[in-house]
Amino acid sequence: MGRTHALALAEQGAKVAVTDIDLAECQKVVDEVKNKGGEAICFKMDVSNKAEVDQVFDETIKQFGRLDILVNNAGIYFPKPALELTEEEWDKMLDINLKGQFLCAQRAAKEMAKNPPAGWGRIINIASVASGQVGVGIAGGAHYTASKGGIVGMTETLAIEWAPMGINVNVIGPGAIDTPMVQAAQIPKEAMEAMLGRVPLKRIGRPEEVSAMVTFLASHEASYVTGATFFVDGGWLAS
């Protein structure tokens, strides 16, 4: 989804800084943005490492002059039954999926607060349909769902704290989306069919369909939207 978010924002005229733990994958996205006439740069970054986060934000500001939009898209998933889950595995999931979003949002807000005349910014955190209070759990995903639920709670608080600085903070909770992470999870065919059977649209979503919500929340049109969670799930929660 990070790729389609970058392309969608670039198509709307944004200068895009793309980050990834794998620099080669990051560069592919930057090349694609440039081939479509956009402007983009890329950096290798581990979102759970504050020193790396600060270094990348420093360089982004140096090259682009300011920061207006942050899309917190980095995330991992690996299934493990709760009774077998190790402390190290728990920490890894929470460090990347939740701590990483906080570190990036915190640094982004410090930069966005400098935007004239009195601060302006859009922070968009990516959670999941499995984020608590909506009746969707994932067997083998206690660590994952904890991280995604934390994102929602964190976002609501950040939206309140940063509203006086003109910074809107929102969440997107995707449902079943066709991404490499979902493919890597190797969900059994029967389980996938059962999951999609709960989706009224009867299909898996496309990353571009999540990116459409990203571009809205990043826009001036979303000026009165903050602290909210938007589920892009094909009607899953309504079923």
C-alpha atoms as a PDB file:
ATOM      1  CA  MET A   1       0.000   0.000   0.000  1.00  0.00           C
ATOM      2  CA  GLY A   2       2.902   2.360   0.609  1.00  0.00           C
ATOM      3  CA  ARG A   3       3.667   2.286  -3.099  1.00  0.00           C
ATOM      4  CA  THR A   4       0.141   3.239  -4.150  1.00  0.00           C
ATOM      5  CA  HIS A   5      -0.077   5.913  -1.441  1.00  0.00           C
ATOM      6  CA  ALA A   6       3.119   7.511  -2.768  1.00  0.00           C
ATOM      7  CA  LEU A   7       1.884   7.394  -6.358  1.00  0.00           C
ATOM      8  CA  ALA A   8      -1.539   8.788  -5.456  1.00  0.00           C
ATOM      9  CA  LEU A   9      -0.096  11.722  -3.512  1.00  0.00           C
ATOM     10  CA  ALA A  10       2.432  12.455  -6.238  1.00  0.00           C
ATOM     11  CA  GLU A  11      -0.379  12.524  -8.806  1.00  0.00           C
ATOM     12  CA  GLN A  12      -2.012  15.249  -6.697  1.00  0.00           C
ATOM     13  CA  GLY A  13       1.173  17.313  -6.855  1.00  0.00           C
ATOM     14  CA  ALA A  14       2.903  16.308  -3.637  1.00  0.00           C
ATOM     15  CA  LYS A  15       6.664  15.947  -3.442  1.00  0.00           C
ATOM     16  CA  VAL A  16       7.097  12.531  -1.898  1.00  0.00           C
ATOM     17  CA  ALA A  17       9.735  11.122   0.440  1.00  0.00           C
ATOM     18  CA  VAL A  18       9.497   7.336   0.390  1.00  0.00           C
ATOM     19  CA  THR A  19      11.054   5.232   3.140  1.00  0.00           C
ATOM     20  CA  ASP A  20      11.560   1.504   3.491  1.00  0.00           C
ATOM     21  CA  ILE A  21      13.702  -0.932   5.426  1.00  0.00           C
ATOM     22  CA  ASP A  22      14.730  -2.211   1.961  1.00  0.00           C
ATOM     23  CA  LEU A  23      16.334   0.622  -0.012  1.00  0.00           C
ATOM     24  CA  ALA A  24      16.020  -1.225  -3.326  1.00  0.00           C
ATOM     25  CA  GLU A  25      12.244  -1.544  -2.937  1.00  0.00           C
ATOM     26  CA  CYS A  26      12.085   2.108  -1.943  1.00  0.00           C
ATOM     27  CA  GLN A  27      13.985   3.146  -5.063  1.00  0.00           C
ATOM     28  CA  LYS A  28      11.577   1.233  -7.306  1.00  0.00           C
ATOM     29  CA  VAL A  29       8.715   3.367  -6.046  1.00  0.00           C
ATOM     30  CA  VAL A  30      10.701   6.587  -6.465  1.00  0.00           C
ATOM     31  CA  ASP A  31      11.564   5.619 -10.050  1.00  0.00           C
ATOM     32  CA  GLU A  32       7.901   4.942 -10.760  1.00  0.00           C
ATOM     33  CA  VAL A  33       6.880   8.336  -9.353  1.00  0.00           C
ATOM     34  CA  LYS A  34       9.530  10.081 -11.457  1.00  0.00           C
ATOM     35  CA  ASN A  35       8.531   8.178 -14.600  1.00  0.00           C
ATOM     36  CA  LYS A  36       5.035   9.586 -14.145  1.00  0.00           C
ATOM     37  CA  GLY A  37       6.393  13.120 -13.894  1.00  0.00           C
ATOM     38  CA  GLY A  38       6.415  13.427 -10.116  1.00  0.00           C
ATOM     39  CA  GLU A  39       9.151  14.404  -7.693  1.00  0.00           C
ATOM     40  CA  ALA A  40      10.366  11.905  -5.106  1.00  0.00           C
ATOM     41  CA  ILE A  41      13.301  10.896  -2.948  1.00  0.00           C
ATOM     42  CA  CYS A  42      13.899   7.747  -0.943  1.00  0.00           C
ATOM     43  CA  PHE A  43      15.618   6.721   2.269  1.00  0.00           C
ATOM     44  CA  LYS A  44      16.314   3.497   4.088  1.00  0.00           C
ATOM     45  CA  MET A  45      14.635   3.779   7.483  1.00  0.00           C
ATOM     46  CA  ASP A  46      13.727   1.549  10.388  1.00  0.00           C
ATOM     47  CA  VAL A  47      10.722   3.306  11.928  1.00  0.00           C
ATOM     48  CA  SER A  48      11.452   1.789  15.342  1.00  0.00           C
ATOM     49  CA  ASN A  49      14.877   3.459  15.469  1.00  0.00           C
ATOM     50  CA  LYS A  50      14.545   7.082  16.622  1.00  0.00           C
ATOM     51  CA  ALA A  51      18.018   8.055  15.372  1.00  0.00           C
ATOM     52  CA  GLU A  52      17.169   6.837  11.865  1.00  0.00           C
ATOM     53  CA  VAL A  53      13.780   8.550  11.976  1.00  0.00           C
ATOM     54  CA  ASP A  54      15.343  11.877  12.954  1.00  0.00           C
ATOM     55  CA  GLN A  55      18.045  11.552  10.295  1.00  0.00           C
ATOM     56  CA  VAL A  56      15.511  10.898   7.530  1.00  0.00           C
ATOM     57  CA  PHE A  57      13.242  13.744   8.627  1.00  0.00           C
ATOM     58  CA  ASP A  58      16.249  16.089   8.782  1.00  0.00           C
ATOM     59  CA  GLU A  59      17.225  15.194   5.230  1.00  0.00           C
ATOM     60  CA  THR A  60      13.659  15.457   3.948  1.00  0.00           C
ATOM     61  CA  ILE A  61      13.289  18.963   5.381  1.00  0.00           C
ATOM     62  CA  LYS A  62      16.684  19.884   3.969  1.00  0.00           C
ATOM     63  CA  GLN A  63      15.640  18.827   0.468  1.00  0.00           C
ATOM     64  CA  PHE A  64      11.983  19.884   0.411  1.00  0.00           C
ATOM     65  CA  GLY A  65      11.993  22.776   2.888  1.00  0.00           C
ATOM     66  CA  ARG A  66       8.901  21.786   4.857  1.00  0.00           C
ATOM     67  CA  LEU A  67       6.643  18.869   5.771  1.00  0.00           C
ATOM     68  CA  ASP A  68       2.883  18.863   5.240  1.00  0.00           C
ATOM     69  CA  ILE A  69       1.773  15.228   5.132  1.00  0.00           C
ATOM     70  CA  LEU A  70       2.812  12.039   6.912  1.00  0.00           C
ATOM     71  CA  VAL A  71       1.413   8.629   6.009  1.00  0.00           C
ATOM     72  CA  ASN A  72       2.362   6.123   8.709  1.00  0.00           C
ATOM     73  CA  ASN A  73       2.172   2.981   6.606  1.00  0.00           C
ATOM     74  CA  ALA A  74       5.063   0.817   7.830  1.00  0.00           C
ATOM     75  CA  GLY A  75       3.916  -2.394   9.448  1.00  0.00           C
ATOM     76  CA  ILE A  76       4.593  -6.098   9.777  1.00  0.00           C
ATOM     77  CA  TYR A  77       2.540  -9.207  10.442  1.00  0.00           C
ATOM     78  CA  PHE A  78       3.530 -12.736  11.309  1.00  0.00           C
ATOM     79  CA  PRO A  79       1.038 -15.156  12.856  1.00  0.00           C
ATOM     80  CA  LYS A  80       1.780 -16.883  16.161  1.00  0.00           C
ATOM     81  CA  PRO A  81      -0.625 -18.445  18.676  1.00  0.00           C
ATOM     82  CA  ALA A  82      -0.796 -16.357  21.833  1.00  0.00           C
ATOM     83  CA  LEU A  83       0.365 -19.215  24.037  1.00  0.00           C
ATOM     84  CA  GLU A  84       3.503 -19.584  21.913  1.00  0.00           C
ATOM     85  CA  LEU A  85       4.248 -15.893  21.442  1.00  0.00           C
ATOM     86  CA  THR A  86       7.621 -14.854  22.844  1.00  0.00           C
ATOM     87  CA  GLU A  87       8.410 -11.550  24.489  1.00  0.00           C
ATOM     88  CA  GLU A  88      10.835 -10.762  21.682  1.00  0.00           C
ATOM     89  CA  GLU A  89       8.159 -11.377  19.033  1.00  0.00           C
ATOM     90  CA  TRP A  90       5.674  -9.220  20.933  1.00  0.00           C
ATOM     91  CA  ASP A  91       8.216  -6.408  21.235  1.00  0.00           C
ATOM     92  CA  LYS A  92       9.143  -6.572  17.542  1.00  0.00           C
ATOM     93  CA  MET A  93       5.517  -6.222  16.449  1.00  0.00           C
ATOM     94  CA  LEU A  94       4.772  -3.347  18.814  1.00  0.00           C
ATOM     95  CA  ASP A  95       8.088  -1.590  18.093  1.00  0.00           C
ATOM     96  CA  ILE A  96       7.420  -1.392  14.365  1.00  0.00           C
ATOM     97  CA  ASN A  97       3.641  -1.145  14.183  1.00  0.00           C
ATOM     98  CA  LEU A  98       2.967   1.177  17.131  1.00  0.00           C
ATOM     99  CA  LYS A  99       6.159   2.740  18.483  1.00  0.00           C
ATOM    100  CA  GLY A 100       7.310   3.427  14.916  1.00  0.00           C
ATOM    101  CA  GLN A 101       4.104   5.309  14.131  1.00  0.00           C
ATOM    102  CA  PHE A 102       4.484   7.392  17.272  1.00  0.00           C
ATOM    103  CA  LEU A 103       8.121   8.301  16.577  1.00  0.00           C
ATOM    104  CA  CYS A 104       7.296   9.405  13.033  1.00  0.00           C
ATOM    105  CA  ALA A 105       4.143  11.275  14.073  1.00  0.00           C
ATOM    106  CA  GLN A 106       5.932  13.056  16.906  1.00  0.00           C
ATOM    107  CA  ARG A 107       8.736  14.269  14.661  1.00  0.00           C
ATOM    108  CA  ALA A 108       6.314  15.170  11.874  1.00  0.00           C
ATOM    109  CA  ALA A 109       4.196  17.279  14.244  1.00  0.00           C
ATOM    110  CA  LYS A 110       7.261  19.217  15.371  1.00  0.00           C
ATOM    111  CA  GLU A 111       7.932  20.137  11.737  1.00  0.00           C
ATOM    112  CA  MET A 112       4.305  20.781  10.787  1.00  0.00           C
ATOM    113  CA  ALA A 113       3.914  23.180  13.712  1.00  0.00           C
ATOM    114  CA  LYS A 114       6.456  25.436  11.959  1.00  0.00           C
ATOM    115  CA  ASN A 115       4.335  25.765   8.806  1.00  0.00           C
ATOM    116  CA  PRO A 116       2.992  29.304   8.322  1.00  0.00           C
ATOM    117  CA  PRO A 117       0.906  31.035   9.372  1.00  0.00           C
ATOM    118  CA  ALA A 118       0.187  29.031  12.537  1.00  0.00           C
ATOM    119  CA  GLY A 119       0.943  25.425  11.693  1.00  0.00           C
ATOM    120  CA  TRP A 120      -0.635  23.053   9.174  1.00  0.00           C
ATOM    121  CA  GLY A 121      -0.369  19.323   8.709  1.00  0.00           C
ATOM    122  CA  ARG A 122      -2.017  16.020   7.957  1.00  0.00           C
ATOM    123  CA  ILE A 123      -1.003  12.806   9.710  1.00  0.00           C
ATOM    124  CA  ILE A 124      -2.617   9.608   8.463  1.00  0.00           C
ATOM    125  CA  ASN A 125      -2.022   6.459  10.481  1.00  0.00           C
ATOM    126  CA  ILE A 126      -2.711   3.053   8.973  1.00  0.00           C
ATOM    127  CA  ALA A 127      -4.325   0.572  11.358  1.00  0.00           C
ATOM    128  CA  SER A 128      -6.565  -2.358  10.440  1.00  0.00           C
ATOM    129  CA  VAL A 129     -10.132  -3.577  10.541  1.00  0.00           C
ATOM    130  CA  ALA A 130      -8.790  -5.800  13.352  1.00  0.00           C
ATOM    131  CA  SER A 131      -8.176  -2.997  15.839  1.00  0.00           C
ATOM    132  CA  GLY A 132     -10.595  -3.726  18.660  1.00  0.00           C
ATOM    133  CA  GLN A 133     -14.182  -2.775  19.539  1.00  0.00           C
ATOM    134  CA  VAL A 134     -15.479  -3.829  16.109  1.00  0.00           C
ATOM    135  CA  GLY A 135     -15.762  -7.586  16.535  1.00  0.00           C
ATOM    136  CA  VAL A 136     -12.895  -8.642  14.267  1.00  0.00           C
ATOM    137  CA  GLY A 137     -10.121 -10.671  15.847  1.00  0.00           C
ATOM    138  CA  ILE A 138      -7.378 -12.644  14.127  1.00  0.00           C
ATOM    139  CA  ALA A 139      -6.424 -16.048  15.488  1.00  0.00           C
ATOM    140  CA  GLY A 140      -2.656 -15.968  15.881  1.00  0.00           C
ATOM    141  CA  GLY A 141      -2.583 -12.184  15.831  1.00  0.00           C
ATOM    142  CA  ALA A 142      -2.810 -10.998  19.446  1.00  0.00           C
ATOM    143  CA  HIS A 143       0.368  -8.953  19.026  1.00  0.00           C
ATOM    144  CA  TYR A 144      -0.803  -7.529  15.688  1.00  0.00           C
ATOM    145  CA  THR A 145      -4.287  -6.548  16.819  1.00  0.00           C
ATOM    146  CA  ALA A 146      -2.857  -4.997  19.995  1.00  0.00           C
ATOM    147  CA  SER A 147      -0.602  -2.810  17.888  1.00  0.00           C
ATOM    148  CA  LYS A 148      -3.412  -1.762  15.555  1.00  0.00           C
ATOM    149  CA  GLY A 149      -5.818  -1.007  18.386  1.00  0.00           C
ATOM    150  CA  GLY A 150      -3.087   1.084  19.989  1.00  0.00           C
ATOM    151  CA  ILE A 151      -2.840   3.142  16.817  1.00  0.00           C
ATOM    152  CA  VAL A 152      -6.514   4.095  17.035  1.00  0.00           C
ATOM    153  CA  GLY A 153      -6.289   5.137  20.684  1.00  0.00           C
ATOM    154  CA  MET A 154      -3.046   7.025  20.108  1.00  0.00           C
ATOM    155  CA  THR A 155      -4.498   8.852  17.107  1.00  0.00           C
ATOM    156  CA  GLU A 156      -7.503  10.125  19.030  1.00  0.00           C
ATOM    157  CA  THR A 157      -5.214  11.600  21.682  1.00  0.00           C
ATOM    158  CA  LEU A 158      -2.787  13.133  19.203  1.00  0.00           C
ATOM    159  CA  ALA A 159      -5.693  14.710  17.327  1.00  0.00           C
ATOM    160  CA  ILE A 160      -6.751  16.507  20.508  1.00  0.00           C
ATOM    161  CA  GLU A 161      -3.253  17.611  21.470  1.00  0.00           C
ATOM    162  CA  TRP A 162      -2.235  18.832  18.031  1.00  0.00           C
ATOM    163  CA  ALA A 163      -5.462  20.464  16.821  1.00  0.00           C
ATOM    164  CA  PRO A 164      -4.334  23.881  18.161  1.00  0.00           C
ATOM    165  CA  MET A 165      -1.312  23.611  15.845  1.00  0.00           C
ATOM    166  CA  GLY A 166      -3.488  23.052  12.779  1.00  0.00           C
ATOM    167  CA  ILE A 167      -2.509  19.391  12.517  1.00  0.00           C
ATOM    168  CA  ASN A 168      -5.231  16.861  11.721  1.00  0.00           C
ATOM    169  CA  VAL A 169      -4.582  13.247  12.726  1.00  0.00           C
ATOM    170  CA  ASN A 170      -6.732  10.392  11.428  1.00  0.00           C
ATOM    171  CA  VAL A 171      -6.717   6.621  10.999  1.00  0.00           C
ATOM    172  CA  ILE A 172      -7.485   4.351   8.067  1.00  0.00           C
ATOM    173  CA  GLY A 173      -8.421   0.777   8.928  1.00  0.00           C
ATOM    174  CA  PRO A 174      -8.108  -1.396   5.814  1.00  0.00           C
ATOM    175  CA  GLY A 175      -9.929  -4.689   5.582  1.00  0.00           C
ATOM    176  CA  ALA A 176      -8.657  -7.522   3.406  1.00  0.00           C
ATOM    177  CA  ILE A 177      -6.340  -5.821   0.893  1.00  0.00           C
ATOM    178  CA  ASP A 178      -4.248  -7.586  -1.748  1.00  0.00           C
ATOM    179  CA  THR A 179      -0.718  -6.750  -0.593  1.00  0.00           C
ATOM    180  CA  PRO A 180       2.573  -8.672  -0.324  1.00  0.00           C
ATOM    181  CA  MET A 181       2.138  -8.814   3.470  1.00  0.00           C
ATOM    182  CA  VAL A 182      -1.191 -10.612   3.109  1.00  0.00           C
ATOM    183  CA  GLN A 183       0.314 -12.970   0.538  1.00  0.00           C
ATOM    184  CA  ALA A 184       3.282 -13.675   2.818  1.00  0.00           C
ATOM    185  CA  ALA A 185       0.943 -14.584   5.672  1.00  0.00           C
ATOM    186  CA  GLN A 186      -0.024 -17.680   3.637  1.00  0.00           C
ATOM    187  CA  ILE A 187      -3.603 -17.680   4.839  1.00  0.00           C
ATOM    188  CA  PRO A 188      -5.173 -21.091   4.032  1.00  0.00           C
ATOM    189  CA  LYS A 189      -7.581 -21.052   1.101  1.00  0.00           C
ATOM    190  CA  GLU A 190     -10.505 -22.098   3.286  1.00  0.00           C
ATOM    191  CA  ALA A 191      -9.791 -19.306   5.790  1.00  0.00           C
ATOM    192  CA  MET A 192      -9.489 -16.719   3.014  1.00  0.00           C
ATOM    193  CA  GLU A 193     -12.761 -17.829   1.467  1.00  0.00           C
ATOM    194  CA  ALA A 194     -14.476 -17.662   4.853  1.00  0.00           C
ATOM    195  CA  MET A 195     -13.106 -14.173   5.437  1.00  0.00           C
ATOM    196  CA  LEU A 196     -14.183 -12.884   2.029  1.00  0.00           C
ATOM    197  CA  GLY A 197     -17.551 -14.520   2.595  1.00  0.00           C
ATOM    198  CA  ARG A 198     -18.143 -11.905   5.306  1.00  0.00           C
ATOM    199  CA  VAL A 199     -17.391  -9.058   2.875  1.00  0.00           C
ATOM    200  CA  PRO A 200     -20.536  -7.808   1.095  1.00  0.00           C
ATOM    201  CA  LEU A 201     -18.543  -6.815  -1.997  1.00  0.00           C
ATOM    202  CA  LYS A 202     -17.279 -10.439  -2.166  1.00  0.00           C
ATOM    203  CA  ARG A 203     -13.709  -9.620  -3.139  1.00  0.00           C
ATOM    204  CA  ILE A 204     -10.398  -8.580  -1.724  1.00  0.00           C
ATOM    205  CA  GLY A 205      -9.628  -4.870  -1.853  1.00  0.00           C
ATOM    206  CA  ARG A 206      -7.007  -3.142  -3.988  1.00  0.00           C
ATOM    207  CA  PRO A 207      -4.302  -0.938  -2.442  1.00  0.00           C
ATOM    208  CA  GLU A 208      -5.431   1.926  -4.679  1.00  0.00           C
ATOM    209  CA  GLU A 209      -8.809   1.886  -2.971  1.00  0.00           C
ATOM    210  CA  VAL A 210      -7.120   2.654   0.350  1.00  0.00           C
ATOM    211  CA  SER A 211      -4.960   5.317  -1.300  1.00  0.00           C
ATOM    212  CA  ALA A 212      -8.097   7.189  -2.368  1.00  0.00           C
ATOM    213  CA  MET A 213      -8.889   7.700   1.320  1.00  0.00           C
ATOM    214  CA  VAL A 214      -5.293   8.743   1.968  1.00  0.00           C
ATOM    215  CA  THR A 215      -5.460  11.505  -0.627  1.00  0.00           C
ATOM    216  CA  PHE A 216      -8.747  12.785   0.799  1.00  0.00           C
ATOM    217  CA  LEU A 217      -7.455  12.924   4.372  1.00  0.00           C
ATOM    218  CA  ALA A 218      -4.285  14.651   3.146  1.00  0.00           C
ATOM    219  CA  SER A 219      -6.267  17.346   1.350  1.00  0.00           C
ATOM    220  CA  HIS A 220      -7.647  20.749   2.271  1.00  0.00           C
ATOM    221  CA  GLU A 221     -11.128  19.254   1.848  1.00  0.00           C
ATOM    222  CA  ALA A 222     -10.543  17.225   5.030  1.00  0.00           C
ATOM    223  CA  SER A 223     -10.016  20.377   7.093  1.00  0.00           C
ATOM    224  CA  TYR A 224     -12.795  19.495   9.584  1.00  0.00           C
ATOM    225  CA  VAL A 225     -11.834  15.839   9.938  1.00  0.00           C
ATOM    226  CA  THR A 226      -9.591  14.801  12.811  1.00  0.00           C
ATOM    227  CA  GLY A 227      -9.419  12.036  15.400  1.00  0.00           C
ATOM    228  CA  ALA A 228     -11.527   9.759  13.212  1.00  0.00           C
ATOM    229  CA  THR A 229     -11.111   6.186  11.981  1.00  0.00           C
ATOM    230  CA  PHE A 230     -12.176   5.298   8.446  1.00  0.00           C
ATOM    231  CA  PHE A 231     -12.602   1.638   7.574  1.00  0.00           C
ATOM    232  CA  VAL A 232     -11.983   0.709   3.948  1.00  0.00           C
ATOM    233  CA  ASP A 233     -13.250  -2.856   4.156  1.00  0.00           C
ATOM    234  CA  GLY A 234     -15.787  -3.608   1.422  1.00  0.00           C
ATOM    235  CA  GLY A 235     -18.581  -3.515   4.002  1.00  0.00           C
ATOM    236  CA  TRP A 236     -17.003  -6.145   6.289  1.00  0.00           C
ATOM    237  CA  LEU A 237     -17.990  -4.389   9.514  1.00  0.00           C
ATOM    238  CA  ALA A 238     -21.515  -3.794   8.276  1.00  0.00           C
ATOM    239  CA  SER A 239     -22.133  -7.467   7.608  1.00  0.00           C
END
